[in-house]
Amino acid sequence: MAILEPFALAIGFLLSYVYDFTLSYGFAIAILTVIINVIIFPLTLRQTRSTKRMQDAQSDIKKLQKQYKDNKEELNKAMAAMYKEKGINPLGCILPLIIQMPIWFALFRVLREPLSFIPSTSVLFKDLEVSTSLTFFNMDLQIPPSEVAGWVDRVPYLILILFVILTALYQQQQITKKTGKSDNPQAQQMQMVGKVMPIFFGFISWTLPTGLVVYFLTGNIFRIGQQALIVKLDDREEVKKEDKKEENNEDSQSNPIQEDPRKNRKKRRRK
């Protein structure tokens, strides 16, 4: 597709640039993944906070479900209003995935036809001219695991795919582990997406170039760290806000509003 060529050329340039320093195809892809995830960090931040707000709002959701249990239309309106007020996007978890799809397709093309998109003056281009494949932990990153001949040779590829599934599952549970089962269709949809996506990525990893699977795994690990940091900072901010509220309440109780002495003088004069 012509629309993907600018993405493929950009990824080919970045990949070759990083390779000049690492001289490892796999580590170059991993570092490229980190760079891309840093660029889309604002989206990841919004997605993580939206998911966490959904988790924190479960008690409010259950109250609304109880209040409007006989009126689904009013329940949906009330839920939509609450989501808007709290800044919750039930489908926000898939937004970073959608944004990255052109990058996946472009990286797929670069791995399949590297000499077409990598600058001819780069070290990576010259290494690919000499060797038809560059290995990473005994894995050919340009071919999918399904094309590997023997099952013994497939072992590192299968381990890589297993790590993709496990890290994706952990990434989902990292935010939603405290969220109970909800009767809200939108919340159920979000939970279903969270359960299906790791299996889906494991399935497609079998037929995609192994370099793209390395991209998936590195992205999962990086986002696990990102989410842990975001949750920790947000929790710390919430604790500070609660402590400040308690201090204000204590101050208001210990220092009741005193009556203006000028008003007392006026009252004495009237008497």
Protein backbone atom coordinates (compact mmCIF):
# COMPACT_ATOMS: atom_id res chain seq x y z
CA MET A 1 0.00 0.00 0.00
CA ALA A 2 1.39 3.37 -1.04
CA ILE A 3 -0.04 5.08 2.05
CA LEU A 4 2.24 2.97 4.28
CA GLU A 5 5.46 3.72 2.39
CA PRO A 6 6.26 6.95 4.32
CA PHE A 7 5.83 5.03 7.61
CA ALA A 8 7.97 2.16 6.29
CA LEU A 9 10.72 4.54 5.12
CA ALA A 10 10.72 6.34 8.49
CA ILE A 11 10.88 3.06 10.42
CA GLY A 12 13.61 1.76 8.09
CA PHE A 13 15.66 4.90 8.73
CA LEU A 14 15.22 4.74 12.53
CA LEU A 15 15.93 1.02 12.57
CA SER A 16 19.14 1.45 10.60
CA TYR A 17 20.19 4.41 12.76
CA VAL A 18 19.76 2.43 16.01
CA TYR A 19 21.45 -0.60 14.45
CA ASP A 20 24.58 1.50 13.84
CA PHE A 21 24.99 1.71 17.64
CA THR A 22 23.77 -1.73 18.73
CA LEU A 23 24.84 -3.95 15.78
CA SER A 24 21.95 -6.20 16.83
CA TYR A 25 18.77 -6.46 14.76
CA GLY A 26 16.70 -7.57 17.76
CA PHE A 27 17.94 -4.86 20.13
CA ALA A 28 17.48 -2.28 17.38
CA ILE A 29 13.80 -3.30 17.08
CA ALA A 30 13.43 -3.21 20.90
CA ILE A 31 14.89 0.30 21.12
CA LEU A 32 12.72 1.41 18.19
CA THR A 33 9.70 0.11 20.13
CA VAL A 34 10.68 2.18 23.18
CA ILE A 35 11.04 5.31 21.04
CA ILE A 36 7.58 4.79 19.50
CA ASN A 37 6.00 4.18 22.93
CA VAL A 38 7.58 7.35 24.31
CA ILE A 39 6.07 9.28 21.39
CA ILE A 40 2.57 7.90 22.04
CA PHE A 41 2.92 8.26 25.83
CA PRO A 42 0.14 10.92 26.06
CA LEU A 43 -2.32 8.38 24.61
CA THR A 44 -1.10 5.68 26.99
CA LEU A 45 -1.47 8.10 29.90
CA ARG A 46 -5.09 8.90 28.97
CA GLN A 47 -5.90 5.22 28.43
CA THR A 48 -4.40 4.16 31.78
CA ARG A 49 -6.16 6.90 33.74
CA SER A 50 -9.46 6.22 31.99
CA THR A 51 -9.24 2.52 32.85
CA LYS A 52 -8.32 3.31 36.46
CA ARG A 53 -11.24 5.74 36.76
CA MET A 54 -13.53 3.01 35.46
CA GLN A 55 -12.21 0.76 38.20
CA ASP A 56 -12.69 3.41 40.90
CA ALA A 57 -16.22 4.18 39.67
CA GLN A 58 -17.55 0.63 40.11
CA SER A 59 -19.41 1.54 43.33
CA ASP A 60 -21.11 4.48 41.56
CA ILE A 61 -21.97 2.24 38.60
CA LYS A 62 -23.63 -0.31 40.89
CA LYS A 63 -25.67 2.46 42.55
CA LEU A 64 -26.92 3.65 39.17
CA GLN A 65 -27.74 0.08 38.14
CA LYS A 66 -29.76 -0.35 41.32
CA GLN A 67 -31.48 3.03 40.89
CA TYR A 68 -32.46 2.46 37.25
CA LYS A 69 -32.79 -1.32 37.24
CA ASP A 70 -36.20 -1.14 35.55
CA ASN A 71 -35.29 1.53 33.00
CA LYS A 72 -32.34 0.67 30.75
CA GLU A 73 -32.68 3.83 28.68
CA GLU A 74 -32.35 6.10 31.74
CA LEU A 75 -29.52 3.91 33.03
CA ASN A 76 -27.56 4.37 29.79
CA LYS A 77 -28.10 8.15 29.95
CA ALA A 78 -26.99 8.29 33.57
CA MET A 79 -23.94 6.13 32.81
CA ALA A 80 -22.98 8.32 29.85
CA ALA A 81 -23.27 11.44 32.01
CA MET A 82 -21.15 9.87 34.75
CA TYR A 83 -18.49 8.77 32.24
CA LYS A 84 -18.33 12.29 30.85
CA GLU A 85 -18.10 13.83 34.33
CA LYS A 86 -15.32 11.48 35.49
CA GLY A 87 -13.44 11.48 32.18
CA ILE A 88 -13.96 7.76 31.47
CA ASN A 89 -13.72 6.26 27.99
CA PRO A 90 -14.88 2.59 28.12
CA LEU A 91 -13.14 1.82 24.83
CA GLY A 92 -10.06 3.93 25.54
CA CYS A 93 -7.96 0.80 26.06
CA ILE A 94 -7.91 0.06 22.33
CA LEU A 95 -7.05 3.60 21.17
CA PRO A 96 -3.24 3.19 21.47
CA LEU A 97 -3.55 -0.10 19.58
CA ILE A 98 -5.43 1.58 16.73
CA ILE A 99 -2.84 4.38 16.57
CA GLN A 100 -0.03 1.81 16.31
CA MET A 101 -1.62 -0.23 13.52
CA PRO A 102 0.05 1.76 10.67
CA ILE A 103 3.37 1.23 12.50
CA TRP A 104 2.77 -2.54 12.67
CA PHE A 105 2.00 -2.76 8.96
CA ALA A 106 4.97 -0.57 8.11
CA LEU A 107 7.33 -2.63 10.28
CA PHE A 108 5.89 -5.77 8.66
CA ARG A 109 6.90 -4.44 5.23
CA VAL A 110 10.36 -3.38 6.47
CA LEU A 111 11.02 -6.86 7.88
CA ARG A 112 9.72 -8.54 4.72
CA GLU A 113 11.54 -6.25 2.27
CA PRO A 114 14.30 -4.57 4.32
CA LEU A 115 16.49 -3.57 1.38
CA SER A 116 13.58 -1.57 -0.10
CA PHE A 117 13.18 0.72 2.92
CA ILE A 118 16.51 0.80 4.76
CA PRO A 119 18.99 3.48 3.58
CA SER A 120 21.58 1.94 1.26
CA THR A 121 24.44 3.74 3.02
CA SER A 122 23.65 2.22 6.43
CA VAL A 123 25.53 -0.59 8.17
CA LEU A 124 22.29 -2.59 8.43
CA PHE A 125 21.78 -2.47 4.66
CA LYS A 126 25.30 -3.78 4.06
CA ASP A 127 24.87 -6.56 6.64
CA LEU A 128 21.60 -7.64 5.05
CA GLU A 129 23.25 -7.71 1.64
CA VAL A 130 25.87 -10.11 2.95
CA SER A 131 23.46 -12.29 4.98
CA THR A 132 19.89 -13.17 4.02
CA SER A 133 18.90 -13.20 7.71
CA LEU A 134 20.03 -11.61 10.97
CA THR A 135 19.38 -13.76 14.05
CA PHE A 136 18.43 -12.72 17.58
CA PHE A 137 18.71 -15.44 20.24
CA ASN A 138 18.83 -18.00 17.42
CA MET A 139 15.64 -16.59 15.85
CA ASP A 140 15.39 -15.28 12.30
CA LEU A 141 13.49 -12.01 12.78
CA GLN A 142 12.42 -11.74 9.13
CA ILE A 143 10.32 -14.91 9.01
CA PRO A 144 7.24 -15.95 11.05
CA PRO A 145 7.46 -18.86 13.52
CA SER A 146 5.10 -20.84 11.29
CA GLU A 147 7.79 -21.02 8.58
CA VAL A 148 10.44 -22.55 10.86
CA ALA A 149 11.04 -26.16 9.77
CA GLY A 150 11.59 -28.31 12.87
CA TRP A 151 9.74 -28.20 16.19
CA VAL A 152 13.03 -28.08 18.10
CA ASP A 153 14.00 -24.96 16.16
CA ARG A 154 10.57 -23.47 16.93
CA VAL A 155 11.11 -23.60 20.71
CA PRO A 156 12.57 -20.06 21.10
CA TYR A 157 9.81 -18.70 18.85
CA LEU A 158 7.12 -20.40 20.94
CA ILE A 159 8.67 -19.06 24.15
CA LEU A 160 8.65 -15.56 22.64
CA ILE A 161 4.94 -15.86 21.74
CA LEU A 162 4.16 -17.20 25.23
CA PHE A 163 5.83 -14.16 26.78
CA VAL A 164 3.77 -11.89 24.51
CA ILE A 165 0.54 -13.48 25.81
CA LEU A 166 1.60 -13.48 29.47
CA THR A 167 2.81 -9.87 29.48
CA ALA A 168 -0.36 -8.73 27.68
CA LEU A 169 -2.53 -10.52 30.26
CA TYR A 170 -0.55 -9.01 33.13
CA GLN A 171 -0.78 -5.58 31.53
CA GLN A 172 -4.59 -5.83 31.49
CA GLN A 173 -4.84 -7.19 35.05
CA GLN A 174 -2.46 -4.53 36.32
CA ILE A 175 -5.22 -1.91 36.04
CA THR A 176 -8.43 -3.96 36.21
CA LYS A 177 -7.50 -6.48 38.94
CA LYS A 178 -9.69 -4.69 41.52
CA THR A 179 -12.63 -4.32 39.18
CA GLY A 180 -15.41 -6.74 40.00
CA LYS A 181 -17.89 -8.25 37.60
CA SER A 182 -20.16 -5.54 36.24
CA ASP A 183 -23.63 -5.68 34.71
CA ASN A 184 -22.91 -2.61 32.62
CA PRO A 185 -22.65 -3.57 28.91
CA GLN A 186 -19.87 -1.04 28.22
CA ALA A 187 -17.79 -2.24 31.19
CA GLN A 188 -18.36 -5.85 30.14
CA GLN A 189 -17.25 -4.97 26.62
CA MET A 190 -14.05 -3.41 27.94
CA GLN A 191 -13.34 -6.46 30.13
CA MET A 192 -13.98 -8.79 27.20
CA VAL A 193 -11.57 -6.84 24.99
CA GLY A 194 -8.96 -7.07 27.76
CA LYS A 195 -9.31 -10.87 27.86
CA VAL A 196 -9.45 -11.47 24.11
CA MET A 197 -6.63 -9.17 22.93
CA PRO A 198 -3.72 -11.10 24.55
CA ILE A 199 -4.94 -14.35 22.94
CA PHE A 200 -5.43 -12.55 19.63
CA PHE A 201 -1.87 -11.20 19.69
CA GLY A 202 -0.52 -14.65 20.51
CA PHE A 203 -2.47 -16.13 17.61
CA ILE A 204 -1.36 -13.59 14.98
CA SER A 205 2.25 -13.74 16.26
CA TRP A 206 2.45 -17.26 14.84
CA THR A 207 2.09 -15.93 11.28
CA LEU A 208 3.87 -12.56 11.57
CA PRO A 209 7.61 -11.88 11.16
CA THR A 210 9.38 -12.61 14.42
CA GLY A 211 10.78 -9.07 14.52
CA LEU A 212 7.20 -7.80 14.87
CA VAL A 213 6.66 -10.25 17.75
CA VAL A 214 9.73 -8.74 19.43
CA TYR A 215 8.04 -5.36 18.95
CA PHE A 216 4.88 -6.66 20.68
CA LEU A 217 6.80 -8.09 23.64
CA THR A 218 8.97 -5.01 24.15
CA GLY A 219 5.90 -2.78 23.95
CA ASN A 220 4.06 -4.87 26.56
CA ILE A 221 7.00 -4.76 28.99
CA PHE A 222 7.48 -1.02 28.49
CA ARG A 223 3.77 -0.28 29.05
CA ILE A 224 3.74 -2.43 32.21
CA GLY A 225 6.41 -0.12 33.61
CA GLN A 226 4.54 2.95 32.37
CA GLN A 227 1.27 1.87 33.95
CA ALA A 228 2.94 1.05 37.27
CA LEU A 229 4.49 4.55 37.34
CA ILE A 230 1.24 6.29 36.35
CA VAL A 231 -0.82 4.41 38.96
CA LYS A 232 1.77 5.11 41.66
CA LEU A 233 1.88 8.85 40.88
CA ASP A 234 -1.92 9.12 40.68
CA ASP A 235 -2.39 7.25 43.98
CA ARG A 236 0.17 9.52 45.64
CA GLU A 237 -1.68 12.57 44.30
CA GLU A 238 -4.99 11.24 45.63
CA VAL A 239 -3.47 10.64 49.07
CA LYS A 240 -2.16 14.22 49.12
CA LYS A 241 -5.62 15.56 48.22
CA GLU A 242 -7.28 13.49 50.95
CA ASP A 243 -4.70 14.65 53.54
CA LYS A 244 -5.29 18.26 52.51
CA LYS A 245 -9.05 17.85 52.90
CA GLU A 246 -8.60 16.35 56.36
CA GLU A 247 -6.33 19.24 57.37
CA ASN A 248 -8.89 21.78 56.14
CA ASN A 249 -11.66 20.00 58.07
CA GLU A 250 -9.56 19.97 61.24
CA ASP A 251 -8.76 23.67 60.84
CA SER A 252 -12.43 24.55 60.35
CA GLN A 253 -13.40 22.58 63.47
CA SER A 254 -10.62 23.99 65.68
CA ASN A 255 -11.14 27.58 64.45
CA PRO A 256 -14.90 28.23 64.30
CA ILE A 257 -16.02 31.40 62.56
CA GLN A 258 -15.93 34.22 65.07
CA GLU A 259 -18.51 36.95 65.02
CA ASP A 260 -17.33 40.34 63.85
CA PRO A 261 -16.59 42.56 66.95
CA ARG A 262 -18.08 45.59 65.13
CA LYS A 263 -21.42 43.80 65.01
CA ASN A 264 -21.17 43.19 68.77
CA ARG A 265 -20.63 46.95 69.35
CA LYS A 266 -23.73 47.76 67.29
CA LYS A 267 -25.78 45.29 69.31
CA ARG A 268 -24.61 46.93 72.59
CA ARG A 269 -25.54 50.38 71.28
CA ARG A 270 -29.01 49.18 70.35
CA LYS A 271 -29.46 47.77 73.85
